[in-house]
Amino acid sequence: MSKLVKRPWGTYTVLAKSKDFLLKKITVLPEGVLSYQSHNYRSEHWIIIEGKATVIINNRTYYKSENENIFIPKKAKHRVINESAKKKLVIIEVQTGTKFLESDIKRYSDIYGRNN
């Protein structure tokens, strides 16, 4: 298992990686918001483990709870929001595609002021 990586919205840990997939555990702090972003080389499957997620994909909003999942296609604009003021949101993310790079992020908006 790799190290815990901190971000303004919470943390992630890479649990497993191969040439075919990358598996992450993502923890979003209360009221945390990931950037509205897309990826050129990967799709993502999110499984909600704990909490409630507001997921936006191509400007359409979905509400997901524990044991529910959602698929984000490659190149789709997306973000996840933890609207809870008290509870964390935990997601297992399975990435599939041709490249698994943290630099494969095109940001469209970010409440923390981060750019590409």
PDB file of N, CA and C in Angstrom:
ATOM      1  N   MET A   1       0.847  -1.178   0.000  1.00  0.00           N
ATOM      2  CA  MET A   1       0.000   0.000   0.000  1.00  0.00           C
ATOM      3  C   MET A   1       0.892   1.241   0.000  1.00  0.00           C
ATOM      4  N   SER A   2       0.494   2.258  -0.757  1.00  0.00           N
ATOM      5  CA  SER A   2       1.311   3.455  -0.835  1.00  0.00           C
ATOM      6  C   SER A   2       0.945   4.443   0.268  1.00  0.00           C
ATOM      7  N   LYS A   3       1.661   5.542   0.264  1.00  0.00           N
ATOM      8  CA  LYS A   3       1.466   6.543   1.311  1.00  0.00           C
ATOM      9  C   LYS A   3       0.165   7.317   1.142  1.00  0.00           C
ATOM     10  N   LEU A   4      -0.244   7.927   2.220  1.00  0.00           N
ATOM     11  CA  LEU A   4      -1.417   8.790   2.246  1.00  0.00           C
ATOM     12  C   LEU A   4      -1.042  10.121   1.590  1.00  0.00           C
ATOM     13  N   VAL A   5      -1.808  10.537   0.596  1.00  0.00           N
ATOM     14  CA  VAL A   5      -1.560  11.797  -0.108  1.00  0.00           C
ATOM     15  C   VAL A   5      -2.637  12.791   0.315  1.00  0.00           C
ATOM     16  N   LYS A   6      -2.201  13.961   0.786  1.00  0.00           N
ATOM     17  CA  LYS A   6      -3.141  14.984   1.249  1.00  0.00           C
ATOM     18  C   LYS A   6      -3.470  15.959   0.130  1.00  0.00           C
ATOM     19  N   ARG A   7      -4.732  16.350   0.076  1.00  0.00           N
ATOM     20  CA  ARG A   7      -5.238  17.344  -0.860  1.00  0.00           C
ATOM     21  C   ARG A   7      -6.116  18.315  -0.066  1.00  0.00           C
ATOM     22  N   PRO A   8      -6.442  19.500  -0.614  1.00  0.00           N
ATOM     23  CA  PRO A   8      -7.277  20.446   0.142  1.00  0.00           C
ATOM     24  C   PRO A   8      -8.630  19.864   0.549  1.00  0.00           C
ATOM     25  N   TRP A   9      -9.172  18.950  -0.244  1.00  0.00           N
ATOM     26  CA  TRP A   9     -10.492  18.358  -0.002  1.00  0.00           C
ATOM     27  C   TRP A   9     -10.457  17.111   0.877  1.00  0.00           C
ATOM     28  N   GLY A  10      -9.253  16.548   1.141  1.00  0.00           N
ATOM     29  CA  GLY A  10      -9.148  15.314   1.925  1.00  0.00           C
ATOM     30  C   GLY A  10      -7.879  14.560   1.597  1.00  0.00           C
ATOM     31  N   THR A  11      -7.989  13.222   1.427  1.00  0.00           N
ATOM     32  CA  THR A  11      -6.811  12.392   1.179  1.00  0.00           C
ATOM     33  C   THR A  11      -7.138  11.270   0.194  1.00  0.00           C
ATOM     34  N   TYR A  12      -6.067  10.671  -0.343  1.00  0.00           N
ATOM     35  CA  TYR A  12      -6.232   9.423  -1.082  1.00  0.00           C
ATOM     36  C   TYR A  12      -5.022   8.536  -0.860  1.00  0.00           C
ATOM     37  N   THR A  13      -5.234   7.254  -1.022  1.00  0.00           N
ATOM     38  CA  THR A  13      -4.180   6.251  -0.933  1.00  0.00           C
ATOM     39  C   THR A  13      -4.340   5.303  -2.111  1.00  0.00           C
ATOM     40  N   VAL A  14      -3.247   5.007  -2.809  1.00  0.00           N
ATOM     41  CA  VAL A  14      -3.281   3.997  -3.865  1.00  0.00           C
ATOM     42  C   VAL A  14      -3.190   2.636  -3.184  1.00  0.00           C
ATOM     43  N   LEU A  15      -4.195   1.802  -3.391  1.00  0.00           N
ATOM     44  CA  LEU A  15      -4.254   0.480  -2.761  1.00  0.00           C
ATOM     45  C   LEU A  15      -3.627  -0.595  -3.634  1.00  0.00           C
ATOM     46  N   ALA A  16      -3.743  -0.454  -4.958  1.00  0.00           N
ATOM     47  CA  ALA A  16      -3.181  -1.439  -5.889  1.00  0.00           C
ATOM     48  C   ALA A  16      -3.025  -0.789  -7.253  1.00  0.00           C
ATOM     49  N   LYS A  17      -2.034  -1.289  -8.010  1.00  0.00           N
ATOM     50  CA  LYS A  17      -1.795  -0.756  -9.346  1.00  0.00           C
ATOM     51  C   LYS A  17      -1.254  -1.864 -10.230  1.00  0.00           C
ATOM     52  N   SER A  18      -1.738  -1.910 -11.474  1.00  0.00           N
ATOM     53  CA  SER A  18      -1.195  -2.821 -12.475  1.00  0.00           C
ATOM     54  C   SER A  18      -1.205  -2.081 -13.808  1.00  0.00           C
ATOM     55  N   LYS A  19      -0.854  -2.751 -14.874  1.00  0.00           N
ATOM     56  CA  LYS A  19      -0.883  -2.097 -16.188  1.00  0.00           C
ATOM     57  C   LYS A  19      -2.317  -1.860 -16.663  1.00  0.00           C
ATOM     58  N   ASP A  20      -3.287  -2.567 -16.065  1.00  0.00           N
ATOM     59  CA  ASP A  20      -4.684  -2.505 -16.494  1.00  0.00           C
ATOM     60  C   ASP A  20      -5.588  -1.646 -15.623  1.00  0.00           C
ATOM     61  N   PHE A  21      -5.191  -1.388 -14.377  1.00  0.00           N
ATOM     62  CA  PHE A  21      -6.058  -0.633 -13.465  1.00  0.00           C
ATOM     63  C   PHE A  21      -5.250   0.011 -12.353  1.00  0.00           C
ATOM     64  N   LEU A  22      -5.895   0.973 -11.668  1.00  0.00           N
ATOM     65  CA  LEU A  22      -5.354   1.574 -10.456  1.00  0.00           C
ATOM     66  C   LEU A  22      -6.506   1.658  -9.463  1.00  0.00           C
ATOM     67  N   LEU A  23      -6.256   1.264  -8.231  1.00  0.00           N
ATOM     68  CA  LEU A  23      -7.281   1.224  -7.188  1.00  0.00           C
ATOM     69  C   LEU A  23      -6.915   2.218  -6.089  1.00  0.00           C
ATOM     70  N   LYS A  24      -7.846   3.136  -5.768  1.00  0.00           N
ATOM     71  CA  LYS A  24      -7.610   4.160  -4.746  1.00  0.00           C
ATOM     72  C   LYS A  24      -8.703   4.140  -3.692  1.00  0.00           C
ATOM     73  N   LYS A  25      -8.320   4.543  -2.491  1.00  0.00           N
ATOM     74  CA  LYS A  25      -9.279   4.881  -1.442  1.00  0.00           C
ATOM     75  C   LYS A  25      -9.228   6.397  -1.307  1.00  0.00           C
ATOM     76  N   ILE A  26     -10.378   7.044  -1.494  1.00  0.00           N
ATOM     77  CA  ILE A  26     -10.476   8.502  -1.433  1.00  0.00           C
ATOM     78  C   ILE A  26     -11.335   8.877  -0.234  1.00  0.00           C
ATOM     79  N   THR A  27     -10.829   9.779   0.596  1.00  0.00           N
ATOM     80  CA  THR A  27     -11.592  10.287   1.733  1.00  0.00           C
ATOM     81  C   THR A  27     -11.796  11.783   1.536  1.00  0.00           C
ATOM     82  N   VAL A  28     -13.061  12.191   1.454  1.00  0.00           N
ATOM     83  CA  VAL A  28     -13.405  13.598   1.258  1.00  0.00           C
ATOM     84  C   VAL A  28     -13.886  14.148   2.596  1.00  0.00           C
ATOM     85  N   LEU A  29     -13.230  15.200   3.051  1.00  0.00           N
ATOM     86  CA  LEU A  29     -13.588  15.827   4.323  1.00  0.00           C
ATOM     87  C   LEU A  29     -15.000  16.407   4.270  1.00  0.00           C
ATOM     88  N   PRO A  30     -15.615  16.637   5.441  1.00  0.00           N
ATOM     89  CA  PRO A  30     -16.910  17.316   5.447  1.00  0.00           C
ATOM     90  C   PRO A  30     -16.837  18.628   4.657  1.00  0.00           C
ATOM     91  N   GLU A  31     -17.808  18.829   3.787  1.00  0.00           N
ATOM     92  CA  GLU A  31     -17.906  19.997   2.911  1.00  0.00           C
ATOM     93  C   GLU A  31     -16.768  20.097   1.899  1.00  0.00           C
ATOM     94  N   GLY A  32     -16.044  18.989   1.676  1.00  0.00           N
ATOM     95  CA  GLY A  32     -14.971  18.960   0.686  1.00  0.00           C
ATOM     96  C   GLY A  32     -15.530  18.836  -0.724  1.00  0.00           C
ATOM     97  N   VAL A  33     -14.820  19.446  -1.668  1.00  0.00           N
ATOM     98  CA  VAL A  33     -15.253  19.457  -3.069  1.00  0.00           C
ATOM     99  C   VAL A  33     -14.042  19.200  -3.961  1.00  0.00           C
ATOM    100  N   LEU A  34     -14.090  18.154  -4.769  1.00  0.00           N
ATOM    101  CA  LEU A  34     -13.032  17.930  -5.745  1.00  0.00           C
ATOM    102  C   LEU A  34     -13.243  18.865  -6.927  1.00  0.00           C
ATOM    103  N   SER A  35     -12.168  19.168  -7.643  1.00  0.00           N
ATOM    104  CA  SER A  35     -12.285  20.070  -8.792  1.00  0.00           C
ATOM    105  C   SER A  35     -13.181  19.465  -9.867  1.00  0.00           C
ATOM    106  N   TYR A  36     -13.800  20.341 -10.651  1.00  0.00           N
ATOM    107  CA  TYR A  36     -14.562  19.898 -11.827  1.00  0.00           C
ATOM    108  C   TYR A  36     -13.506  19.623 -12.880  1.00  0.00           C
ATOM    109  N   GLN A  37     -13.375  18.365 -13.302  1.00  0.00           N
ATOM    110  CA  GLN A  37     -12.216  17.933 -14.068  1.00  0.00           C
ATOM    111  C   GLN A  37     -12.584  16.849 -15.067  1.00  0.00           C
ATOM    112  N   SER A  38     -11.625  16.546 -15.946  1.00  0.00           N
ATOM    113  CA  SER A  38     -11.759  15.403 -16.850  1.00  0.00           C
ATOM    114  C   SER A  38     -10.393  14.749 -17.012  1.00  0.00           C
ATOM    115  N   HIS A  39     -10.406  13.536 -17.571  1.00  0.00           N
ATOM    116  CA  HIS A  39      -9.180  12.764 -17.796  1.00  0.00           C
ATOM    117  C   HIS A  39      -9.175  12.263 -19.235  1.00  0.00           C
ATOM    118  N   ASN A  40      -8.031  12.358 -19.886  1.00  0.00           N
ATOM    119  CA  ASN A  40      -7.911  11.902 -21.273  1.00  0.00           C
ATOM    120  C   ASN A  40      -7.651  10.413 -21.405  1.00  0.00           C
ATOM    121  N   TYR A  41      -7.042   9.806 -20.398  1.00  0.00           N
ATOM    122  CA  TYR A  41      -6.550   8.434 -20.541  1.00  0.00           C
ATOM    123  C   TYR A  41      -7.248   7.403 -19.668  1.00  0.00           C
ATOM    124  N   ARG A  42      -8.183   7.821 -18.838  1.00  0.00           N
ATOM    125  CA  ARG A  42      -8.800   6.851 -17.933  1.00  0.00           C
ATOM    126  C   ARG A  42     -10.272   7.136 -17.684  1.00  0.00           C
ATOM    127  N   SER A  43     -10.987   6.063 -17.383  1.00  0.00           N
ATOM    128  CA  SER A  43     -12.346   6.118 -16.857  1.00  0.00           C
ATOM    129  C   SER A  43     -12.261   5.795 -15.375  1.00  0.00           C
ATOM    130  N   GLU A  44     -13.296   6.138 -14.630  1.00  0.00           N
ATOM    131  CA  GLU A  44     -13.300   5.861 -13.195  1.00  0.00           C
ATOM    132  C   GLU A  44     -14.624   5.231 -12.781  1.00  0.00           C
ATOM    133  N   HIS A  45     -14.527   4.245 -11.911  1.00  0.00           N
ATOM    134  CA  HIS A  45     -15.691   3.619 -11.282  1.00  0.00           C
ATOM    135  C   HIS A  45     -15.597   3.985  -9.806  1.00  0.00           C
ATOM    136  N   TRP A  46     -16.623   4.611  -9.256  1.00  0.00           N
ATOM    137  CA  TRP A  46     -16.630   4.993  -7.847  1.00  0.00           C
ATOM    138  C   TRP A  46     -17.648   4.156  -7.100  1.00  0.00           C
ATOM    139  N   ILE A  47     -17.232   3.616  -5.963  1.00  0.00           N
ATOM    140  CA  ILE A  47     -18.122   2.892  -5.056  1.00  0.00           C
ATOM    141  C   ILE A  47     -18.133   3.667  -3.744  1.00  0.00           C
ATOM    142  N   ILE A  48     -19.303   4.062  -3.287  1.00  0.00           N
ATOM    143  CA  ILE A  48     -19.420   4.814  -2.039  1.00  0.00           C
ATOM    144  C   ILE A  48     -19.372   3.818  -0.881  1.00  0.00           C
ATOM    145  N   ILE A  49     -18.388   3.978  -0.016  1.00  0.00           N
ATOM    146  CA  ILE A  49     -18.180   3.088   1.126  1.00  0.00           C
ATOM    147  C   ILE A  49     -18.796   3.666   2.395  1.00  0.00           C
ATOM    148  N   GLU A  50     -18.681   4.985   2.533  1.00  0.00           N
ATOM    149  CA  GLU A  50     -19.181   5.652   3.743  1.00  0.00           C
ATOM    150  C   GLU A  50     -19.628   7.061   3.378  1.00  0.00           C
ATOM    151  N   GLY A  51     -20.779   7.476   3.877  1.00  0.00           N
ATOM    152  CA  GLY A  51     -21.277   8.824   3.638  1.00  0.00           C
ATOM    153  C   GLY A  51     -22.172   8.917   2.419  1.00  0.00           C
ATOM    154  N   LYS A  52     -22.426  10.163   2.015  1.00  0.00           N
ATOM    155  CA  LYS A  52     -23.282  10.444   0.857  1.00  0.00           C
ATOM    156  C   LYS A  52     -22.528  11.359  -0.097  1.00  0.00           C
ATOM    157  N   ALA A  53     -22.613  11.042  -1.380  1.00  0.00           N
ATOM    158  CA  ALA A  53     -21.886  11.794  -2.401  1.00  0.00           C
ATOM    159  C   ALA A  53     -22.852  12.510  -3.330  1.00  0.00           C
ATOM    160  N   THR A  54     -22.526  13.743  -3.643  1.00  0.00           N
ATOM    161  CA  THR A  54     -23.171  14.446  -4.737  1.00  0.00           C
ATOM    162  C   THR A  54     -22.170  14.417  -5.882  1.00  0.00           C
ATOM    163  N   VAL A  55     -22.533  13.751  -6.972  1.00  0.00           N
ATOM    164  CA  VAL A  55     -21.627  13.561  -8.102  1.00  0.00           C
ATOM    165  C   VAL A  55     -22.172  14.333  -9.295  1.00  0.00           C
ATOM    166  N   ILE A  56     -21.324  15.127  -9.911  1.00  0.00           N
ATOM    167  CA  ILE A  56     -21.710  15.869 -11.103  1.00  0.00           C
ATOM    168  C   ILE A  56     -20.903  15.317 -12.274  1.00  0.00           C
ATOM    169  N   ILE A  57     -21.607  14.860 -13.315  1.00  0.00           N
ATOM    170  CA  ILE A  57     -20.971  14.357 -14.534  1.00  0.00           C
ATOM    171  C   ILE A  57     -21.587  15.105 -15.709  1.00  0.00           C
ATOM    172  N   ASN A  58     -20.739  15.835 -16.435  1.00  0.00           N
ATOM    173  CA  ASN A  58     -21.203  16.622 -17.587  1.00  0.00           C
ATOM    174  C   ASN A  58     -22.443  17.456 -17.245  1.00  0.00           C
ATOM    175  N   ASN A  59     -22.354  18.149 -16.112  1.00  0.00           N
ATOM    176  CA  ASN A  59     -23.400  19.069 -15.626  1.00  0.00           C
ATOM    177  C   ASN A  59     -24.701  18.393 -15.209  1.00  0.00           C
ATOM    178  N   ARG A  60     -24.696  17.077 -15.056  1.00  0.00           N
ATOM    179  CA  ARG A  60     -25.863  16.356 -14.533  1.00  0.00           C
ATOM    180  C   ARG A  60     -25.527  15.880 -13.120  1.00  0.00           C
ATOM    181  N   THR A  61     -26.453  16.038 -12.178  1.00  0.00           N
ATOM    182  CA  THR A  61     -26.202  15.729 -10.773  1.00  0.00           C
ATOM    183  C   THR A  61     -26.821  14.395 -10.381  1.00  0.00           C
ATOM    184  N   TYR A  62     -26.028  13.596  -9.641  1.00  0.00           N
ATOM    185  CA  TYR A  62     -26.459  12.293  -9.123  1.00  0.00           C
ATOM    186  C   TYR A  62     -26.197  12.281  -7.621  1.00  0.00           C
ATOM    187  N   TYR A  63     -27.047  11.597  -6.884  1.00  0.00           N
ATOM    188  CA  TYR A  63     -26.887  11.461  -5.433  1.00  0.00           C
ATOM    189  C   TYR A  63     -26.658   9.985  -5.129  1.00  0.00           C
ATOM    190  N   LYS A  64     -25.530   9.701  -4.468  1.00  0.00           N
ATOM    191  CA  LYS A  64     -25.159   8.318  -4.188  1.00  0.00           C
ATOM    192  C   LYS A  64     -24.886   8.141  -2.697  1.00  0.00           C
ATOM    193  N   SER A  65     -25.299   6.983  -2.176  1.00  0.00           N
ATOM    194  CA  SER A  65     -25.111   6.637  -0.766  1.00  0.00           C
ATOM    195  C   SER A  65     -24.255   5.386  -0.656  1.00  0.00           C
ATOM    196  N   GLU A  66     -24.026   4.958   0.578  1.00  0.00           N
ATOM    197  CA  GLU A  66     -23.214   3.765   0.838  1.00  0.00           C
ATOM    198  C   GLU A  66     -23.692   2.581   0.012  1.00  0.00           C
ATOM    199  N   ASN A  67     -22.743   1.831  -0.525  1.00  0.00           N
ATOM    200  CA  ASN A  67     -22.957   0.637  -1.350  1.00  0.00           C
ATOM    201  C   ASN A  67     -23.504   0.938  -2.737  1.00  0.00           C
ATOM    202  N   GLU A  68     -23.563   2.195  -3.128  1.00  0.00           N
ATOM    203  CA  GLU A  68     -23.956   2.545  -4.493  1.00  0.00           C
ATOM    204  C   GLU A  68     -22.711   2.914  -5.291  1.00  0.00           C
ATOM    205  N   ASN A  69     -22.835   2.866  -6.610  1.00  0.00           N
ATOM    206  CA  ASN A  69     -21.680   3.157  -7.453  1.00  0.00           C
ATOM    207  C   ASN A  69     -22.086   4.029  -8.630  1.00  0.00           C
ATOM    208  N   ILE A  70     -21.057   4.559  -9.289  1.00  0.00           N
ATOM    209  CA  ILE A  70     -21.282   5.380 -10.481  1.00  0.00           C
ATOM    210  C   ILE A  70     -20.056   5.260 -11.377  1.00  0.00           C
ATOM    211  N   PHE A  71     -20.269   5.340 -12.686  1.00  0.00           N
ATOM    212  CA  PHE A  71     -19.204   5.240 -13.681  1.00  0.00           C
ATOM    213  C   PHE A  71     -18.973   6.602 -14.316  1.00  0.00           C
ATOM    214  N   ILE A  72     -17.705   7.005 -14.406  1.00  0.00           N
ATOM    215  CA  ILE A  72     -17.329   8.260 -15.045  1.00  0.00           C
ATOM    216  C   ILE A  72     -16.516   7.909 -16.292  1.00  0.00           C
ATOM    217  N   PRO A  73     -17.073   8.108 -17.482  1.00  0.00           N
ATOM    218  CA  PRO A  73     -16.344   7.767 -18.710  1.00  0.00           C
ATOM    219  C   PRO A  73     -15.133   8.673 -18.930  1.00  0.00           C
ATOM    220  N   LYS A  74     -14.173   8.162 -19.658  1.00  0.00           N
ATOM    221  CA  LYS A  74     -13.014   8.945 -20.063  1.00  0.00           C
ATOM    222  C   LYS A  74     -13.502  10.221 -20.753  1.00  0.00           C
ATOM    223  N   LYS A  75     -12.866  11.332 -20.451  1.00  0.00           N
ATOM    224  CA  LYS A  75     -13.130  12.666 -21.011  1.00  0.00           C
ATOM    225  C   LYS A  75     -14.405  13.330 -20.491  1.00  0.00           C
ATOM    226  N   ALA A  76     -15.157  12.671 -19.612  1.00  0.00           N
ATOM    227  CA  ALA A  76     -16.348  13.296 -19.024  1.00  0.00           C
ATOM    228  C   ALA A  76     -15.920  14.301 -17.950  1.00  0.00           C
ATOM    229  N   LYS A  77     -16.544  15.467 -17.944  1.00  0.00           N
ATOM    230  CA  LYS A  77     -16.304  16.442 -16.880  1.00  0.00           C
ATOM    231  C   LYS A  77     -17.032  15.950 -15.637  1.00  0.00           C
ATOM    232  N   HIS A  78     -16.336  15.971 -14.494  1.00  0.00           N
ATOM    233  CA  HIS A  78     -16.947  15.421 -13.284  1.00  0.00           C
ATOM    234  C   HIS A  78     -16.348  16.018 -12.017  1.00  0.00           C
ATOM    235  N   ARG A  79     -17.104  15.866 -10.936  1.00  0.00           N
ATOM    236  CA  ARG A  79     -16.627  16.223  -9.591  1.00  0.00           C
ATOM    237  C   ARG A  79     -17.476  15.488  -8.579  1.00  0.00           C
ATOM    238  N   VAL A  80     -16.959  15.402  -7.350  1.00  0.00           N
ATOM    239  CA  VAL A  80     -17.728  14.852  -6.239  1.00  0.00           C
ATOM    240  C   VAL A  80     -17.711  15.879  -5.115  1.00  0.00           C
ATOM    241  N   ILE A  81     -18.834  15.964  -4.417  1.00  0.00           N
ATOM    242  CA  ILE A  81     -19.000  16.911  -3.317  1.00  0.00           C
ATOM    243  C   ILE A  81     -19.495  16.147  -2.099  1.00  0.00           C
ATOM    244  N   ASN A  82     -18.879  16.424  -0.958  1.00  0.00           N
ATOM    245  CA  ASN A  82     -19.385  15.920   0.319  1.00  0.00           C
ATOM    246  C   ASN A  82     -20.130  17.079   0.967  1.00  0.00           C
ATOM    247  N   GLU A  83     -21.450  17.057   0.908  1.00  0.00           N
ATOM    248  CA  GLU A  83     -22.246  18.169   1.433  1.00  0.00           C
ATOM    249  C   GLU A  83     -22.452  18.098   2.943  1.00  0.00           C
ATOM    250  N   SER A  84     -22.043  17.002   3.560  1.00  0.00           N
ATOM    251  CA  SER A  84     -22.199  16.874   5.009  1.00  0.00           C
ATOM    252  C   SER A  84     -21.259  17.840   5.726  1.00  0.00           C
ATOM    253  N   ALA A  85     -21.757  18.471   6.769  1.00  0.00           N
ATOM    254  CA  ALA A  85     -20.932  19.363   7.580  1.00  0.00           C
ATOM    255  C   ALA A  85     -20.166  18.599   8.657  1.00  0.00           C
ATOM    256  N   LYS A  86     -20.518  17.315   8.874  1.00  0.00           N
ATOM    257  CA  LYS A  86     -19.918  16.566   9.983  1.00  0.00           C
ATOM    258  C   LYS A  86     -19.279  15.241   9.581  1.00  0.00           C
ATOM    259  N   LYS A  87     -19.777  14.590   8.536  1.00  0.00           N
ATOM    260  CA  LYS A  87     -19.319  13.235   8.213  1.00  0.00           C
ATOM    261  C   LYS A  87     -18.419  13.221   6.990  1.00  0.00           C
ATOM    262  N   LYS A  88     -17.394  12.373   7.044  1.00  0.00           N
ATOM    263  CA  LYS A  88     -16.517  12.208   5.891  1.00  0.00           C
ATOM    264  C   LYS A  88     -17.204  11.330   4.844  1.00  0.00           C
ATOM    265  N   LEU A  89     -16.707  11.408   3.632  1.00  0.00           N
ATOM    266  CA  LEU A  89     -17.166  10.599   2.508  1.00  0.00           C
ATOM    267  C   LEU A  89     -16.001   9.715   2.092  1.00  0.00           C
ATOM    268  N   VAL A  90     -16.227   8.404   2.002  1.00  0.00           N
ATOM    269  CA  VAL A  90     -15.167   7.477   1.595  1.00  0.00           C
ATOM    270  C   VAL A  90     -15.599   6.782   0.311  1.00  0.00           C
ATOM    271  N   ILE A  91     -14.710   6.822  -0.673  1.00  0.00           N
ATOM    272  CA  ILE A  91     -14.968   6.247  -1.996  1.00  0.00           C
ATOM    273  C   ILE A  91     -13.837   5.297  -2.352  1.00  0.00           C
ATOM    274  N   ILE A  92     -14.185   4.153  -2.921  1.00  0.00           N
ATOM    275  CA  ILE A  92     -13.193   3.303  -3.569  1.00  0.00           C
ATOM    276  C   ILE A  92     -13.282   3.625  -5.055  1.00  0.00           C
ATOM    277  N   GLU A  93     -12.146   3.981  -5.637  1.00  0.00           N
ATOM    278  CA  GLU A  93     -12.090   4.359  -7.047  1.00  0.00           C
ATOM    279  C   GLU A  93     -11.287   3.320  -7.813  1.00  0.00           C
ATOM    280  N   VAL A  94     -11.879   2.794  -8.881  1.00  0.00           N
ATOM    281  CA  VAL A  94     -11.174   1.888  -9.784  1.00  0.00           C
ATOM    282  C   VAL A  94     -10.982   2.629 -11.100  1.00  0.00           C
ATOM    283  N   GLN A  95      -9.731   2.890 -11.441  1.00  0.00           N
ATOM    284  CA  GLN A  95      -9.414   3.544 -12.706  1.00  0.00           C
ATOM    285  C   GLN A  95      -9.070   2.479 -13.740  1.00  0.00           C
ATOM    286  N   THR A  96      -9.615   2.611 -14.947  1.00  0.00           N
ATOM    287  CA  THR A  96      -9.251   1.744 -16.060  1.00  0.00           C
ATOM    288  C   THR A  96      -8.916   2.633 -17.247  1.00  0.00           C
ATOM    289  N   GLY A  97      -7.964   2.192 -18.053  1.00  0.00           N
ATOM    290  CA  GLY A  97      -7.565   2.992 -19.206  1.00  0.00           C
ATOM    291  C   GLY A  97      -6.181   2.634 -19.672  1.00  0.00           C
ATOM    292  N   THR A  98      -5.526   3.608 -20.301  1.00  0.00           N
ATOM    293  CA  THR A  98      -4.207   3.357 -20.878  1.00  0.00           C
ATOM    294  C   THR A  98      -3.071   3.964 -20.076  1.00  0.00           C
ATOM    295  N   LYS A  99      -3.354   5.014 -19.294  1.00  0.00           N
ATOM    296  CA  LYS A  99      -2.332   5.654 -18.457  1.00  0.00           C
ATOM    297  C   LYS A  99      -2.972   6.052 -17.134  1.00  0.00           C
ATOM    298  N   PHE A 100      -2.200   5.912 -16.058  1.00  0.00           N
ATOM    299  CA  PHE A 100      -2.691   6.255 -14.719  1.00  0.00           C
ATOM    300  C   PHE A 100      -1.742   7.284 -14.107  1.00  0.00           C
ATOM    301  N   LEU A 101      -1.902   8.524 -14.529  1.00  0.00           N
ATOM    302  CA  LEU A 101      -1.020   9.607 -14.114  1.00  0.00           C
ATOM    303  C   LEU A 101      -1.820  10.658 -13.363  1.00  0.00           C
ATOM    304  N   GLU A 102      -1.274  11.159 -12.250  1.00  0.00           N
ATOM    305  CA  GLU A 102      -1.936  12.258 -11.543  1.00  0.00           C
ATOM    306  C   GLU A 102      -1.978  13.512 -12.415  1.00  0.00           C
ATOM    307  N   SER A 103      -1.069  13.607 -13.378  1.00  0.00           N
ATOM    308  CA  SER A 103      -1.058  14.767 -14.277  1.00  0.00           C
ATOM    309  C   SER A 103      -2.156  14.699 -15.345  1.00  0.00           C
ATOM    310  N   ASP A 104      -2.864  13.567 -15.446  1.00  0.00           N
ATOM    311  CA  ASP A 104      -3.959  13.428 -16.418  1.00  0.00           C
ATOM    312  C   ASP A 104      -5.237  14.046 -15.843  1.00  0.00           C
ATOM    313  N   ILE A 105      -5.140  15.339 -15.535  1.00  0.00           N
ATOM    314  CA  ILE A 105      -6.284  16.083 -14.993  1.00  0.00           C
ATOM    315  C   ILE A 105      -6.378  17.407 -15.739  1.00  0.00           C
ATOM    316  N   LYS A 106      -7.517  17.648 -16.339  1.00  0.00           N
ATOM    317  CA  LYS A 106      -7.817  18.965 -16.885  1.00  0.00           C
ATOM    318  C   LYS A 106      -8.869  19.570 -15.972  1.00  0.00           C
ATOM    319  N   ARG A 107      -8.496  20.652 -15.270  1.00  0.00           N
ATOM    320  CA  ARG A 107      -9.419  21.296 -14.337  1.00  0.00           C
ATOM    321  C   ARG A 107     -10.191  22.411 -15.032  1.00  0.00           C
ATOM    322  N   TYR A 108     -11.501  22.422 -14.802  1.00  0.00           N
ATOM    323  CA  TYR A 108     -12.369  23.467 -15.338  1.00  0.00           C
ATOM    324  C   TYR A 108     -12.723  24.484 -14.258  1.00  0.00           C
ATOM    325  N   SER A 109     -12.841  24.017 -13.010  1.00  0.00           N
ATOM    326  CA  SER A 109     -13.043  24.913 -11.869  1.00  0.00           C
ATOM    327  C   SER A 109     -12.586  24.195 -10.608  1.00  0.00           C
ATOM    328  N   ASP A 110     -12.122  25.000  -9.651  1.00  0.00           N
ATOM    329  CA  ASP A 110     -11.599  24.442  -8.406  1.00  0.00           C
ATOM    330  C   ASP A 110     -11.774  25.476  -7.301  1.00  0.00           C
ATOM    331  N   ILE A 111     -12.515  25.118  -6.246  1.00  0.00           N
ATOM    332  CA  ILE A 111     -12.781  26.094  -5.181  1.00  0.00           C
ATOM    333  C   ILE A 111     -11.532  26.435  -4.379  1.00  0.00           C
ATOM    334  N   TYR A 112     -10.467  25.632  -4.522  1.00  0.00           N
ATOM    335  CA  TYR A 112      -9.227  25.864  -3.786  1.00  0.00           C
ATOM    336  C   TYR A 112      -8.210  26.656  -4.609  1.00  0.00           C
ATOM    337  N   GLY A 113      -8.583  27.068  -5.823  1.00  0.00           N
ATOM    338  CA  GLY A 113      -7.709  27.900  -6.644  1.00  0.00           C
ATOM    339  C   GLY A 113      -6.618  27.156  -7.386  1.00  0.00           C
ATOM    340  N   ARG A 114      -6.724  25.826  -7.471  1.00  0.00           N
ATOM    341  CA  ARG A 114      -5.695  25.066  -8.196  1.00  0.00           C
ATOM    342  C   ARG A 114      -5.958  25.144  -9.698  1.00  0.00           C
ATOM    343  N   ASN A 115      -4.875  25.171 -10.470  1.00  0.00           N
ATOM    344  CA  ASN A 115      -4.958  25.146 -11.929  1.00  0.00           C
ATOM    345  C   ASN A 115      -4.474  23.796 -12.418  1.00  0.00           C
ATOM    346  N   ASN A 116      -4.444  23.609 -13.739  1.00  0.00           N
ATOM    347  CA  ASN A 116      -3.915  22.357 -14.309  1.00  0.00           C
ATOM    348  C   ASN A 116      -2.477  22.158 -13.912  1.00  0.00           C
TER     349      ASN A 116
END
